[in-house]
C-alpha atoms as a PDB file:
ATOM      1  CA  MET A   1      81.195 144.579 163.693  1.00  0.00           C
ATOM      2  CA  THR A   2      80.364 145.765 167.195  1.00  0.00           C
ATOM      3  CA  THR A   3      82.777 145.964 170.070  1.00  0.00           C
ATOM      4  CA  MET A   4      82.069 144.313 173.394  1.00  0.00           C
ATOM      5  CA  GLU A   5      81.770 146.267 176.610  1.00  0.00           C
ATOM      6  CA  ALA A   6      84.322 145.477 179.329  1.00  0.00           C
ATOM      7  CA  ASP A   7      81.795 143.603 181.460  1.00  0.00           C
ATOM      8  CA  ASP A   8      80.493 141.444 178.571  1.00  0.00           C
ATOM      9  CA  VAL A   9      81.738 137.853 178.851  1.00  0.00           C
ATOM     10  CA  SER A  10      82.421 135.762 175.765  1.00  0.00           C
ATOM     11  CA  PRO A  11      84.385 132.525 175.391  1.00  0.00           C
ATOM     12  CA  TYR A  12      85.568 133.719 171.978  1.00  0.00           C
ATOM     13  CA  CYS A  13      88.147 136.178 170.746  1.00  0.00           C
ATOM     14  CA  SER A  14      87.204 138.129 167.656  1.00  0.00           C
ATOM     15  CA  THR A  15      89.267 139.295 164.740  1.00  0.00           C
ATOM     16  CA  ARG A  16      88.118 141.021 161.598  1.00  0.00           C
ATOM     17  CA  SER A  17      87.955 137.734 159.703  1.00  0.00           C
ATOM     18  CA  SER A  18      86.389 135.364 162.228  1.00  0.00           C
ATOM     19  CA  PRO A  19      85.695 134.749 165.899  1.00  0.00           C
ATOM     20  CA  HIS A  20      87.815 132.044 167.498  1.00  0.00           C
ATOM     21  CA  HIS A  21      88.601 130.546 170.874  1.00  0.00           C
ATOM     22  CA  PRO A  22      91.341 132.431 172.796  1.00  0.00           C
ATOM     23  CA  GLY A  23      93.331 129.174 173.041  1.00  0.00           C
ATOM     24  CA  VAL A  24      94.249 129.691 169.400  1.00  0.00           C
ATOM     25  CA  HIS A  25      96.711 132.355 170.527  1.00  0.00           C
ATOM     26  CA  ALA A  26      98.370 129.990 172.993  1.00  0.00           C
ATOM     27  CA  THR A  27      98.746 126.908 170.768  1.00  0.00           C
ATOM     28  CA  GLY A  28      98.015 128.134 167.269  1.00  0.00           C
ATOM     29  CA  ALA A  29      95.020 127.249 165.156  1.00  0.00           C
ATOM     30  CA  LEU A  30      96.436 123.763 164.543  1.00  0.00           C
ATOM     31  CA  GLY A  31      96.865 122.906 168.224  1.00  0.00           C
ATOM     32  CA  ASP A  32      99.966 121.866 170.097  1.00  0.00           C
ATOM     33  CA  ILE A  33     103.126 121.101 168.151  1.00  0.00           C
ATOM     34  CA  LEU A  34     103.911 117.429 168.805  1.00  0.00           C
ATOM     35  CA  LYS A  35     107.146 117.334 166.841  1.00  0.00           C
ATOM     36  CA  ARG A  36     109.134 120.015 165.039  1.00  0.00           C
ATOM     37  CA  ASP A  37     112.304 119.799 163.007  1.00  0.00           C
ATOM     38  CA  GLU A  38     114.070 120.811 159.844  1.00  0.00           C
ATOM     39  CA  LEU A  39     113.543 118.136 157.193  1.00  0.00           C
ATOM     40  CA  GLU A  40     114.426 117.970 153.542  1.00  0.00           C
ATOM     41  CA  LYS A  41     111.548 117.658 151.070  1.00  0.00           C
ATOM     42  CA  CYS A  42     112.154 116.473 147.530  1.00  0.00           C
ATOM     43  CA  THR A  43     110.554 118.862 145.090  1.00  0.00           C
ATOM     44  CA  THR A  44     107.565 117.523 143.192  1.00  0.00           C
ATOM     45  CA  CYS A  45     108.280 119.832 140.263  1.00  0.00           C
ATOM     46  CA  ARG A  46     109.502 117.878 137.240  1.00  0.00           C
ATOM     47  CA  PHE A  47     111.417 120.878 135.942  1.00  0.00           C
ATOM     48  CA  ALA A  48     113.563 121.555 139.012  1.00  0.00           C
ATOM     49  CA  PHE A  49     117.239 122.127 138.280  1.00  0.00           C
ATOM     50  CA  GLY A  50     120.103 121.284 140.598  1.00  0.00           C
ATOM     51  CA  ASN A  51     119.521 119.640 143.940  1.00  0.00           C
ATOM     52  CA  PRO A  52     115.855 118.574 144.243  1.00  0.00           C
ATOM     53  CA  TRP A  53     116.033 118.404 148.068  1.00  0.00           C
ATOM     54  CA  LYS A  54     114.924 121.605 149.815  1.00  0.00           C
ATOM     55  CA  ARG A  55     115.118 122.257 153.557  1.00  0.00           C
ATOM     56  CA  ARG A  56     111.773 122.995 155.201  1.00  0.00           C
ATOM     57  CA  THR A  57     110.539 123.447 158.757  1.00  0.00           C
ATOM     58  CA  PHE A  58     107.992 120.732 159.576  1.00  0.00           C
ATOM     59  CA  GLN A  59     105.551 120.649 162.482  1.00  0.00           C
ATOM     60  CA  LEU A  60     103.486 117.614 163.396  1.00  0.00           C
ATOM     61  CA  HIS A  61     100.093 118.339 164.970  1.00  0.00           C
ATOM     62  CA  ARG A  62      97.260 115.967 165.875  1.00  0.00           C
ATOM     63  CA  THR A  63      95.304 117.595 163.058  1.00  0.00           C
ATOM     64  CA  GLY A  64      97.981 117.259 160.387  1.00  0.00           C
ATOM     65  CA  LEU A  65     101.434 118.070 159.111  1.00  0.00           C
ATOM     66  CA  ALA A  66     102.432 121.697 158.537  1.00  0.00           C
ATOM     67  CA  TYR A  67     105.521 122.847 156.710  1.00  0.00           C
ATOM     68  CA  TYR A  68     106.959 126.187 155.734  1.00  0.00           C
ATOM     69  CA  THR A  69     108.618 127.429 152.574  1.00  0.00           C
ATOM     70  CA  ASP A  70     112.310 128.213 152.596  1.00  0.00           C
ATOM     71  CA  THR A  71     111.643 131.874 153.429  1.00  0.00           C
ATOM     72  CA  GLN A  72     109.363 130.815 156.333  1.00  0.00           C
ATOM     73  CA  ASP A  73     106.666 133.188 155.111  1.00  0.00           C
ATOM     74  CA  HIS A  74     104.182 130.669 153.746  1.00  0.00           C
ATOM     75  CA  GLN A  75     102.741 127.607 155.472  1.00  0.00           C
ATOM     76  CA  LYS A  76     101.379 124.527 153.757  1.00  0.00           C
ATOM     77  CA  PHE A  77      99.228 122.016 155.604  1.00  0.00           C
ATOM     78  CA  ILE A  78      98.264 118.393 155.002  1.00  0.00           C
ATOM     79  CA  PRO A  79      95.331 117.305 157.216  1.00  0.00           C
ATOM     80  CA  MET A  80      95.729 113.889 158.894  1.00  0.00           C
ATOM     81  CA  ASN A  81      92.502 112.707 157.243  1.00  0.00           C
ATOM     82  CA  ASP A  82      94.018 113.369 153.804  1.00  0.00           C
ATOM     83  CA  ILE A  83      97.129 111.240 154.408  1.00  0.00           C
ATOM     84  CA  SER A  84      96.536 107.900 152.700  1.00  0.00           C
ATOM     85  CA  GLN A  85      99.894 106.176 153.178  1.00  0.00           C
ATOM     86  CA  VAL A  86     103.144 106.550 155.095  1.00  0.00           C
ATOM     87  CA  ARG A  87     106.034 104.257 154.298  1.00  0.00           C
ATOM     88  CA  LEU A  88     109.779 104.142 154.815  1.00  0.00           C
ATOM     89  CA  GLY A  89     111.895 103.879 151.691  1.00  0.00           C
ATOM     90  CA  GLY A  90     114.972 105.296 150.112  1.00  0.00           C
ATOM     91  CA  ASN A  91     118.213 103.862 148.876  1.00  0.00           C
ATOM     92  CA  SER A  92     121.475 102.647 150.355  1.00  0.00           C
ATOM     93  CA  GLU A  93     122.513 106.277 150.824  1.00  0.00           C
ATOM     94  CA  ARG A  94     119.645 107.672 152.948  1.00  0.00           C
ATOM     95  CA  LEU A  95     116.266 106.624 154.330  1.00  0.00           C
ATOM     96  CA  GLU A  96     113.203 108.595 153.217  1.00  0.00           C
ATOM     97  CA  ILE A  97     109.609 108.871 154.327  1.00  0.00           C
ATOM     98  CA  HIS A  98     107.130 108.542 151.466  1.00  0.00           C
ATOM     99  CA  LEU A  99     103.944 110.346 152.480  1.00  0.00           C
ATOM    100  CA  SER A 100     100.958 110.050 150.123  1.00  0.00           C
ATOM    101  CA  TRP A 101      97.871 112.208 150.449  1.00  0.00           C
ATOM    102  CA  VAL A 102      94.605 112.818 148.633  1.00  0.00           C
ATOM    103  CA  SER A 103      92.424 115.926 148.909  1.00  0.00           C
ATOM    104  CA  GLY A 104      89.437 116.009 146.583  1.00  0.00           C
ATOM    105  CA  SER A 105      90.763 115.480 143.068  1.00  0.00           C
ATOM    106  CA  LYS A 106      94.351 116.396 144.030  1.00  0.00           C
ATOM    107  CA  SER A 107      96.874 113.810 145.191  1.00  0.00           C
ATOM    108  CA  ALA A 108     100.622 113.802 145.749  1.00  0.00           C
ATOM    109  CA  GLU A 109     103.475 111.959 147.344  1.00  0.00           C
ATOM    110  CA  HIS A 110     106.063 113.832 149.349  1.00  0.00           C
ATOM    111  CA  ARG A 111     109.494 112.388 149.980  1.00  0.00           C
ATOM    112  CA  LEU A 112     110.995 113.590 153.266  1.00  0.00           C
ATOM    113  CA  ARG A 113     114.262 112.934 155.054  1.00  0.00           C
ATOM    114  CA  ALA A 114     116.027 114.195 158.151  1.00  0.00           C
ATOM    115  CA  ASP A 115     119.720 114.861 158.791  1.00  0.00           C
ATOM    116  CA  SER A 116     120.202 111.249 159.859  1.00  0.00           C
ATOM    117  CA  ASP A 117     118.493 107.911 159.295  1.00  0.00           C
ATOM    118  CA  GLU A 118     117.712 107.766 163.022  1.00  0.00           C
ATOM    119  CA  LYS A 119     115.852 111.098 162.914  1.00  0.00           C
ATOM    120  CA  THR A 120     114.022 109.955 159.773  1.00  0.00           C
ATOM    121  CA  LYS A 121     112.905 106.825 161.654  1.00  0.00           C
ATOM    122  CA  GLU A 122     111.707 108.988 164.590  1.00  0.00           C
ATOM    123  CA  TRP A 123     109.551 111.051 162.221  1.00  0.00           C
ATOM    124  CA  PHE A 124     108.256 107.890 160.560  1.00  0.00           C
ATOM    125  CA  ARG A 125     107.213 106.438 163.932  1.00  0.00           C
ATOM    126  CA  ALA A 126     105.501 109.691 164.922  1.00  0.00           C
ATOM    127  CA  LEU A 127     103.597 109.849 161.635  1.00  0.00           C
ATOM    128  CA  LEU A 128     102.503 106.206 161.995  1.00  0.00           C
ATOM    129  CA  LEU A 129     101.147 106.984 165.440  1.00  0.00           C
ATOM    130  CA  TYR A 130      99.069 109.968 164.355  1.00  0.00           C
ATOM    131  CA  VAL A 131      98.041 108.791 160.879  1.00  0.00           C
ATOM    132  CA  TYR A 132      97.185 105.184 161.741  1.00  0.00           C
ATOM    133  CA  GLY A 133      96.937 105.370 165.531  1.00  0.00           C
ATOM    134  CA  MET A 134      99.659 102.785 165.938  1.00  0.00           C
ATOM    135  CA  SER A 135     103.300 102.591 166.773  1.00  0.00           C
ATOM    136  CA  ALA A 136     105.582 100.127 165.076  1.00  0.00           C
ATOM    137  CA  PRO A 137     109.048  98.939 165.987  1.00  0.00           C
ATOM    138  CA  LEU A 138     111.417  99.249 163.066  1.00  0.00           C
ATOM    139  CA  THR A 139     113.389  96.223 162.026  1.00  0.00           C
ATOM    140  CA  GLU A 140     116.444  96.603 159.873  1.00  0.00           C
END
């Protein structure tokens, strides 16, 4: 890799792995964060013991939904184009968002919930807007 002289002009910033636009440093590679909160995600592991609900940091971007492991050291990302369904469900105790996605031969459904039913509904509305391009009033 060669280094650029001070008077060379390039619209890209370069790292060892790949060149990228300098805006990546300002907003992150995923773009602006549209919504961010701590949500609980029900584990998809069938062999989980104890409480299946784990707290995760979620970030909604125009490009998809990012979330971090409990130690905040590993990010997982679901692209918007991979999300096949978003619905509101749950039981009499708490509302949940059921988010289904398909990527190649892999598919899954994540169950998410916020601290309150109202916050869960806010996340549901935001996901509807960016997954389907629509907003929907919620009726009880």
